[in-house]
């Protein structure tokens, strides 16, 4: 697997800019969504969980205090037994 996206991993948030990094709660929520969905196995770890950047027009039209939908992208890793 190269990447999995947890759509809706972060809810609309009026206090943040669309390109701000995910905070700890958003990362936990993304991992929880994948775990609850059965996509993770016990030996699986994440190389990274980060922001899936929104479309350029969404960023350009952003105004202070405006709600934004944030999505997470994850890069899982698992050691293959040899």
PDB file of N, CA and C in Angstrom:
ATOM      1  N   UNK A   1       0.834  -1.176   0.000  1.00  0.00           N
ATOM      2  CA  UNK A   1       0.000   0.000   0.000  1.00  0.00           C
ATOM      3  C   UNK A   1       0.876   1.236   0.000  1.00  0.00           C
ATOM      4  N   UNK A   2       0.543   2.194  -0.820  1.00  0.00           N
ATOM      5  CA  UNK A   2       1.315   3.426  -0.814  1.00  0.00           C
ATOM      6  C   UNK A   2       0.604   4.507  -0.020  1.00  0.00           C
ATOM      7  N   UNK A   3      -0.699   4.550  -0.075  1.00  0.00           N
ATOM      8  CA  UNK A   3      -1.421   5.596   0.620  1.00  0.00           C
ATOM      9  C   UNK A   3      -2.881   5.196   0.774  1.00  0.00           C
ATOM     10  N   UNK A   4      -3.447   5.547   1.889  1.00  0.00           N
ATOM     11  CA  UNK A   4      -4.884   5.384   2.093  1.00  0.00           C
ATOM     12  C   UNK A   4      -5.401   6.714   2.596  1.00  0.00           C
ATOM     13  N   UNK A   5      -6.564   7.083   2.155  1.00  0.00           N
ATOM     14  CA  UNK A   5      -7.132   8.342   2.591  1.00  0.00           C
ATOM     15  C   UNK A   5      -8.313   8.055   3.496  1.00  0.00           C
ATOM     16  N   UNK A   6      -8.354   8.735   4.596  1.00  0.00           N
ATOM     17  CA  UNK A   6      -9.481   8.615   5.513  1.00  0.00           C
ATOM     18  C   UNK A   6     -10.354   9.837   5.288  1.00  0.00           C
ATOM     19  N   UNK A   7     -11.235   9.749   4.320  1.00  0.00           N
ATOM     20  CA  UNK A   7     -12.090  10.877   3.994  1.00  0.00           C
ATOM     21  C   UNK A   7     -12.961  11.206   5.190  1.00  0.00           C
ATOM     22  N   UNK A   8     -13.042  12.460   5.461  1.00  0.00           N
ATOM     23  CA  UNK A   8     -13.828  12.894   6.600  1.00  0.00           C
ATOM     24  C   UNK A   8     -13.150  12.647   7.917  1.00  0.00           C
ATOM     25  N   UNK A   9     -11.882  12.370   7.914  1.00  0.00           N
ATOM     26  CA  UNK A   9     -11.167  12.092   9.155  1.00  0.00           C
ATOM     27  C   UNK A   9     -11.164  13.287  10.071  1.00  0.00           C
ATOM     28  N   UNK A  10     -11.287  14.433   9.520  1.00  0.00           N
ATOM     29  CA  UNK A  10     -11.356  15.642  10.330  1.00  0.00           C
ATOM     30  C   UNK A  10     -12.628  16.377   9.956  1.00  0.00           C
ATOM     31  N   UNK A  11     -13.327  16.847  10.921  1.00  0.00           N
ATOM     32  CA  UNK A  11     -14.574  17.543  10.648  1.00  0.00           C
ATOM     33  C   UNK A  11     -14.301  18.999  10.310  1.00  0.00           C
ATOM     34  N   UNK A  12     -15.343  19.689   9.885  1.00  0.00           N
ATOM     35  CA  UNK A  12     -15.204  21.102   9.566  1.00  0.00           C
ATOM     36  C   UNK A  12     -14.698  21.855  10.796  1.00  0.00           C
ATOM     37  N   UNK A  13     -13.795  22.774  10.560  1.00  0.00           N
ATOM     38  CA  UNK A  13     -13.154  23.493  11.656  1.00  0.00           C
ATOM     39  C   UNK A  13     -13.010  24.952  11.246  1.00  0.00           C
ATOM     40  N   UNK A  14     -13.737  25.855  11.904  1.00  0.00           N
ATOM     41  CA  UNK A  14     -13.751  27.253  11.506  1.00  0.00           C
ATOM     42  C   UNK A  14     -12.541  28.033  11.993  1.00  0.00           C
ATOM     43  N   UNK A  15     -11.732  27.476  12.875  1.00  0.00           N
ATOM     44  CA  UNK A  15     -10.645  28.241  13.479  1.00  0.00           C
ATOM     45  C   UNK A  15      -9.307  28.031  12.786  1.00  0.00           C
ATOM     46  N   UNK A  16      -9.238  27.199  11.766  1.00  0.00           N
ATOM     47  CA  UNK A  16      -7.969  26.826  11.176  1.00  0.00           C
ATOM     48  C   UNK A  16      -7.912  27.186   9.701  1.00  0.00           C
ATOM     49  N   UNK A  17      -6.698  27.286   9.191  1.00  0.00           N
ATOM     50  CA  UNK A  17      -6.479  27.497   7.762  1.00  0.00           C
ATOM     51  C   UNK A  17      -6.495  26.131   7.082  1.00  0.00           C
ATOM     52  N   UNK A  18      -6.974  26.040   5.840  1.00  0.00           N
ATOM     53  CA  UNK A  18      -7.053  24.748   5.162  1.00  0.00           C
ATOM     54  C   UNK A  18      -5.708  24.020   5.024  1.00  0.00           C
ATOM     55  N   UNK A  19      -4.587  24.735   5.055  1.00  0.00           N
ATOM     56  CA  UNK A  19      -3.291  24.098   4.883  1.00  0.00           C
ATOM     57  C   UNK A  19      -2.533  23.882   6.194  1.00  0.00           C
ATOM     58  N   UNK A  20      -3.158  24.201   7.333  1.00  0.00           N
ATOM     59  CA  UNK A  20      -2.511  23.909   8.615  1.00  0.00           C
ATOM     60  C   UNK A  20      -2.318  22.401   8.748  1.00  0.00           C
ATOM     61  N   UNK A  21      -1.209  21.971   9.341  1.00  0.00           N
ATOM     62  CA  UNK A  21      -1.004  20.531   9.552  1.00  0.00           C
ATOM     63  C   UNK A  21      -2.096  19.944  10.443  1.00  0.00           C
ATOM     64  N   UNK A  22      -2.306  18.648  10.323  1.00  0.00           N
ATOM     65  CA  UNK A  22      -3.259  17.991  11.215  1.00  0.00           C
ATOM     66  C   UNK A  22      -2.762  18.095  12.646  1.00  0.00           C
ATOM     67  N   UNK A  23      -3.696  18.285  13.577  1.00  0.00           N
ATOM     68  CA  UNK A  23      -3.304  18.283  14.995  1.00  0.00           C
ATOM     69  C   UNK A  23      -3.411  16.849  15.524  1.00  0.00           C
ATOM     70  N   UNK A  24      -3.001  16.651  16.752  1.00  0.00           N
ATOM     71  CA  UNK A  24      -2.961  15.305  17.333  1.00  0.00           C
ATOM     72  C   UNK A  24      -4.340  14.643  17.345  1.00  0.00           C
ATOM     73  N   UNK A  25      -5.385  15.399  17.646  1.00  0.00           N
ATOM     74  CA  UNK A  25      -6.733  14.822  17.665  1.00  0.00           C
ATOM     75  C   UNK A  25      -7.160  14.363  16.276  1.00  0.00           C
ATOM     76  N   UNK A  26      -6.829  15.143  15.254  1.00  0.00           N
ATOM     77  CA  UNK A  26      -7.188  14.772  13.891  1.00  0.00           C
ATOM     78  C   UNK A  26      -6.440  13.508  13.455  1.00  0.00           C
ATOM     79  N   UNK A  27      -5.181  13.388  13.854  1.00  0.00           N
ATOM     80  CA  UNK A  27      -4.404  12.190  13.518  1.00  0.00           C
ATOM     81  C   UNK A  27      -4.994  10.971  14.214  1.00  0.00           C
ATOM     82  N   UNK A  28      -5.321  11.105  15.504  1.00  0.00           N
ATOM     83  CA  UNK A  28      -5.943   9.987  16.229  1.00  0.00           C
ATOM     84  C   UNK A  28      -7.263   9.590  15.587  1.00  0.00           C
ATOM     85  N   UNK A  29      -8.040  10.571  15.164  1.00  0.00           N
ATOM     86  CA  UNK A  29      -9.327  10.287  14.536  1.00  0.00           C
ATOM     87  C   UNK A  29      -9.131   9.540  13.211  1.00  0.00           C
ATOM     88  N   UNK A  30      -8.156   9.940  12.412  1.00  0.00           N
ATOM     89  CA  UNK A  30      -7.886   9.262  11.139  1.00  0.00           C
ATOM     90  C   UNK A  30      -7.479   7.809  11.377  1.00  0.00           C
ATOM     91  N   UNK A  31      -6.588   7.577  12.320  1.00  0.00           N
ATOM     92  CA  UNK A  31      -6.138   6.221  12.636  1.00  0.00           C
ATOM     93  C   UNK A  31      -7.307   5.388  13.163  1.00  0.00           C
ATOM     94  N   UNK A  32      -8.133   5.989  13.985  1.00  0.00           N
ATOM     95  CA  UNK A  32      -9.298   5.292  14.529  1.00  0.00           C
ATOM     96  C   UNK A  32     -10.269   4.885  13.417  1.00  0.00           C
ATOM     97  N   UNK A  33     -10.475   5.753  12.444  1.00  0.00           N
ATOM     98  CA  UNK A  33     -11.372   5.438  11.327  1.00  0.00           C
ATOM     99  C   UNK A  33     -10.844   4.222  10.568  1.00  0.00           C
ATOM    100  N   UNK A  34      -9.543   4.196  10.303  1.00  0.00           N
ATOM    101  CA  UNK A  34      -8.954   3.059   9.588  1.00  0.00           C
ATOM    102  C   UNK A  34      -9.029   1.774  10.417  1.00  0.00           C
ATOM    103  N   UNK A  35      -8.794   1.874  11.717  1.00  0.00           N
ATOM    104  CA  UNK A  35      -8.854   0.703  12.595  1.00  0.00           C
ATOM    105  C   UNK A  35     -10.281   0.156  12.672  1.00  0.00           C
ATOM    106  N   UNK A  36     -11.247   1.040  12.818  1.00  0.00           N
ATOM    107  CA  UNK A  36     -12.644   0.623  12.920  1.00  0.00           C
ATOM    108  C   UNK A  36     -13.162   0.036  11.611  1.00  0.00           C
ATOM    109  N   UNK A  37     -12.573   0.443  10.505  1.00  0.00           N
ATOM    110  CA  UNK A  37     -12.989  -0.006   9.182  1.00  0.00           C
ATOM    111  C   UNK A  37     -12.364  -1.359   8.819  1.00  0.00           C
ATOM    112  N   UNK A  38     -11.455  -1.849   9.664  1.00  0.00           N
ATOM    113  CA  UNK A  38     -10.816  -3.126   9.408  1.00  0.00           C
ATOM    114  C   UNK A  38      -9.650  -3.049   8.439  1.00  0.00           C
ATOM    115  N   UNK A  39      -9.196  -1.868   8.117  1.00  0.00           N
ATOM    116  CA  UNK A  39      -8.093  -1.702   7.161  1.00  0.00           C
ATOM    117  C   UNK A  39      -6.725  -1.918   7.800  1.00  0.00           C
ATOM    118  N   UNK A  40      -6.652  -1.890   9.119  1.00  0.00           N
ATOM    119  CA  UNK A  40      -5.373  -2.076   9.800  1.00  0.00           C
ATOM    120  C   UNK A  40      -5.283  -3.498  10.342  1.00  0.00           C
ATOM    121  N   UNK A  41      -4.085  -4.041  10.310  1.00  0.00           N
ATOM    122  CA  UNK A  41      -3.825  -5.325  10.937  1.00  0.00           C
ATOM    123  C   UNK A  41      -2.895  -5.073  12.111  1.00  0.00           C
ATOM    124  N   UNK A  42      -2.797  -6.025  13.018  1.00  0.00           N
ATOM    125  CA  UNK A  42      -2.017  -5.793  14.235  1.00  0.00           C
ATOM    126  C   UNK A  42      -0.550  -5.435  13.999  1.00  0.00           C
ATOM    127  N   UNK A  43       0.148  -6.001  12.993  1.00  0.00           N
ATOM    128  CA  UNK A  43       1.548  -5.586  12.820  1.00  0.00           C
ATOM    129  C   UNK A  43       1.712  -4.270  12.056  1.00  0.00           C
ATOM    130  N   UNK A  44       0.617  -3.674  11.597  1.00  0.00           N
ATOM    131  CA  UNK A  44       0.695  -2.472  10.771  1.00  0.00           C
ATOM    132  C   UNK A  44       1.054  -1.246  11.602  1.00  0.00           C
ATOM    133  N   UNK A  45       1.912  -0.434  11.049  1.00  0.00           N
ATOM    134  CA  UNK A  45       2.296   0.850  11.651  1.00  0.00           C
ATOM    135  C   UNK A  45       2.175   1.915  10.583  1.00  0.00           C
ATOM    136  N   UNK A  46       2.174   3.160  10.992  1.00  0.00           N
ATOM    137  CA  UNK A  46       2.079   4.258  10.040  1.00  0.00           C
ATOM    138  C   UNK A  46       3.421   4.949   9.889  1.00  0.00           C
ATOM    139  N   UNK A  47       3.851   5.094   8.665  1.00  0.00           N
ATOM    140  CA  UNK A  47       5.029   5.887   8.366  1.00  0.00           C
ATOM    141  C   UNK A  47       4.673   7.346   8.597  1.00  0.00           C
ATOM    142  N   UNK A  48       3.464   7.708   8.164  1.00  0.00           N
ATOM    143  CA  UNK A  48       3.031   9.097   8.283  1.00  0.00           C
ATOM    144  C   UNK A  48       1.515   9.178   8.198  1.00  0.00           C
ATOM    145  N   UNK A  49       0.951  10.139   8.879  1.00  0.00           N
ATOM    146  CA  UNK A  49      -0.445  10.523   8.735  1.00  0.00           C
ATOM    147  C   UNK A  49      -0.424  12.031   8.609  1.00  0.00           C
ATOM    148  N   UNK A  50      -0.933  12.547   7.517  1.00  0.00           N
ATOM    149  CA  UNK A  50      -0.861  13.984   7.299  1.00  0.00           C
ATOM    150  C   UNK A  50      -2.072  14.512   6.556  1.00  0.00           C
ATOM    151  N   UNK A  51      -2.036  15.782   6.310  1.00  0.00           N
ATOM    152  CA  UNK A  51      -3.133  16.472   5.639  1.00  0.00           C
ATOM    153  C   UNK A  51      -3.195  16.101   4.166  1.00  0.00           C
ATOM    154  N   UNK A  52      -4.356  15.779   3.703  1.00  0.00           N
ATOM    155  CA  UNK A  52      -4.601  15.663   2.264  1.00  0.00           C
ATOM    156  C   UNK A  52      -5.001  17.066   1.833  1.00  0.00           C
ATOM    157  N   UNK A  53      -4.125  17.706   1.095  1.00  0.00           N
ATOM    158  CA  UNK A  53      -4.346  19.113   0.768  1.00  0.00           C
ATOM    159  C   UNK A  53      -5.598  19.296  -0.081  1.00  0.00           C
ATOM    160  N   UNK A  54      -6.372  20.330   0.250  1.00  0.00           N
ATOM    161  CA  UNK A  54      -7.585  20.615  -0.515  1.00  0.00           C
ATOM    162  C   UNK A  54      -7.233  21.216  -1.878  1.00  0.00           C
ATOM    163  N   UNK A  55      -8.214  21.297  -2.737  1.00  0.00           N
ATOM    164  CA  UNK A  55      -8.032  21.887  -4.057  1.00  0.00           C
ATOM    165  C   UNK A  55      -7.599  23.351  -3.931  1.00  0.00           C
ATOM    166  N   UNK A  56      -6.832  23.792  -4.898  1.00  0.00           N
ATOM    167  CA  UNK A  56      -6.286  25.151  -4.890  1.00  0.00           C
ATOM    168  C   UNK A  56      -7.394  26.204  -4.796  1.00  0.00           C
ATOM    169  N   UNK A  57      -8.506  25.999  -5.490  1.00  0.00           N
ATOM    170  CA  UNK A  57      -9.590  26.984  -5.445  1.00  0.00           C
ATOM    171  C   UNK A  57     -10.230  27.067  -4.064  1.00  0.00           C
ATOM    172  N   UNK A  58     -10.253  25.961  -3.324  1.00  0.00           N
ATOM    173  CA  UNK A  58     -10.779  25.992  -1.954  1.00  0.00           C
ATOM    174  C   UNK A  58      -9.875  26.817  -1.047  1.00  0.00           C
ATOM    175  N   UNK A  59      -8.579  26.674  -1.226  1.00  0.00           N
ATOM    176  CA  UNK A  59      -7.624  27.436  -0.418  1.00  0.00           C
ATOM    177  C   UNK A  59      -7.708  28.918  -0.779  1.00  0.00           C
ATOM    178  N   UNK A  60      -7.786  29.210  -2.074  1.00  0.00           N
ATOM    179  CA  UNK A  60      -7.822  30.601  -2.537  1.00  0.00           C
ATOM    180  C   UNK A  60      -9.079  31.330  -2.068  1.00  0.00           C
ATOM    181  N   UNK A  61     -10.181  30.602  -1.935  1.00  0.00           N
ATOM    182  CA  UNK A  61     -11.435  31.243  -1.532  1.00  0.00           C
ATOM    183  C   UNK A  61     -11.637  31.254  -0.017  1.00  0.00           C
ATOM    184  N   UNK A  62     -10.681  30.714   0.738  1.00  0.00           N
ATOM    185  CA  UNK A  62     -10.810  30.639   2.195  1.00  0.00           C
ATOM    186  C   UNK A  62     -10.763  32.033   2.811  1.00  0.00           C
ATOM    187  N   UNK A  63     -11.630  32.256   3.782  1.00  0.00           N
ATOM    188  CA  UNK A  63     -11.630  33.494   4.553  1.00  0.00           C
ATOM    189  C   UNK A  63     -11.553  33.163   6.037  1.00  0.00           C
ATOM    190  N   UNK A  64     -10.969  34.050   6.838  1.00  0.00           N
ATOM    191  CA  UNK A  64     -10.859  33.804   8.280  1.00  0.00           C
ATOM    192  C   UNK A  64     -12.208  33.459   8.906  1.00  0.00           C
ATOM    193  N   UNK A  65     -12.214  32.432   9.721  1.00  0.00           N
ATOM    194  CA  UNK A  65     -13.426  32.002  10.409  1.00  0.00           C
ATOM    195  C   UNK A  65     -14.315  31.093   9.589  1.00  0.00           C
ATOM    196  N   UNK A  66     -13.982  30.887   8.338  1.00  0.00           N
ATOM    197  CA  UNK A  66     -14.776  30.029   7.466  1.00  0.00           C
ATOM    198  C   UNK A  66     -14.503  28.568   7.804  1.00  0.00           C
ATOM    199  N   UNK A  67     -15.556  27.763   7.811  1.00  0.00           N
ATOM    200  CA  UNK A  67     -15.396  26.330   8.076  1.00  0.00           C
ATOM    201  C   UNK A  67     -14.695  25.657   6.899  1.00  0.00           C
ATOM    202  N   UNK A  68     -13.840  24.708   7.199  1.00  0.00           N
ATOM    203  CA  UNK A  68     -13.150  23.946   6.157  1.00  0.00           C
ATOM    204  C   UNK A  68     -13.284  22.456   6.450  1.00  0.00           C
ATOM    205  N   UNK A  69     -13.376  21.668   5.409  1.00  0.00           N
ATOM    206  CA  UNK A  69     -13.389  20.215   5.558  1.00  0.00           C
ATOM    207  C   UNK A  69     -11.957  19.749   5.407  1.00  0.00           C
ATOM    208  N   UNK A  70     -11.490  18.963   6.374  1.00  0.00           N
ATOM    209  CA  UNK A  70     -10.102  18.494   6.355  1.00  0.00           C
ATOM    210  C   UNK A  70     -10.101  16.985   6.206  1.00  0.00           C
ATOM    211  N   UNK A  71      -9.202  16.490   5.383  1.00  0.00           N
ATOM    212  CA  UNK A  71      -9.071  15.060   5.156  1.00  0.00           C
ATOM    213  C   UNK A  71      -7.639  14.644   5.463  1.00  0.00           C
ATOM    214  N   UNK A  72      -7.498  13.394   5.856  1.00  0.00           N
ATOM    215  CA  UNK A  72      -6.183  12.859   6.186  1.00  0.00           C
ATOM    216  C   UNK A  72      -5.758  11.847   5.129  1.00  0.00           C
ATOM    217  N   UNK A  73      -4.457  11.789   4.900  1.00  0.00           N
ATOM    218  CA  UNK A  73      -3.860  10.748   4.065  1.00  0.00           C
ATOM    219  C   UNK A  73      -2.889   9.986   4.960  1.00  0.00           C
ATOM    220  N   UNK A  74      -2.863   8.670   4.827  1.00  0.00           N
ATOM    221  CA  UNK A  74      -1.972   7.877   5.667  1.00  0.00           C
ATOM    222  C   UNK A  74      -1.113   6.976   4.807  1.00  0.00           C
ATOM    223  N   UNK A  75       0.074   6.714   5.312  1.00  0.00           N
ATOM    224  CA  UNK A  75       1.025   5.848   4.641  1.00  0.00           C
ATOM    225  C   UNK A  75       1.393   4.724   5.605  1.00  0.00           C
ATOM    226  N   UNK A  76       0.666   3.596   5.525  1.00  0.00           N
ATOM    227  CA  UNK A  76       0.939   2.488   6.444  1.00  0.00           C
ATOM    228  C   UNK A  76       2.123   1.646   5.981  1.00  0.00           C
ATOM    229  N   UNK A  77       2.679   0.932   6.924  1.00  0.00           N
ATOM    230  CA  UNK A  77       3.800   0.054   6.660  1.00  0.00           C
ATOM    231  C   UNK A  77       3.627  -1.198   7.508  1.00  0.00           C
ATOM    232  N   UNK A  78       3.962  -2.318   6.933  1.00  0.00           N
ATOM    233  CA  UNK A  78       3.963  -3.565   7.690  1.00  0.00           C
ATOM    234  C   UNK A  78       5.179  -4.376   7.266  1.00  0.00           C
ATOM    235  N   UNK A  79       5.801  -5.010   8.223  1.00  0.00           N
ATOM    236  CA  UNK A  79       6.965  -5.835   7.920  1.00  0.00           C
ATOM    237  C   UNK A  79       6.483  -7.169   7.355  1.00  0.00           C
ATOM    238  N   UNK A  80       6.961  -7.484   6.191  1.00  0.00           N
ATOM    239  CA  UNK A  80       6.625  -8.768   5.574  1.00  0.00           C
ATOM    240  C   UNK A  80       7.530  -9.832   6.141  1.00  0.00           C
ATOM    241  N   UNK A  81       6.969 -10.964   6.518  1.00  0.00           N
ATOM    242  CA  UNK A  81       7.812 -12.050   7.026  1.00  0.00           C
ATOM    243  C   UNK A  81       8.517 -12.723   5.842  1.00  0.00           C
ATOM    244  N   UNK A  82       9.759 -13.090   6.057  1.00  0.00           N
ATOM    245  CA  UNK A  82      10.540 -13.711   4.983  1.00  0.00           C
ATOM    246  C   UNK A  82      10.740 -15.186   5.202  1.00  0.00           C
TER     247      UNK A  82
END
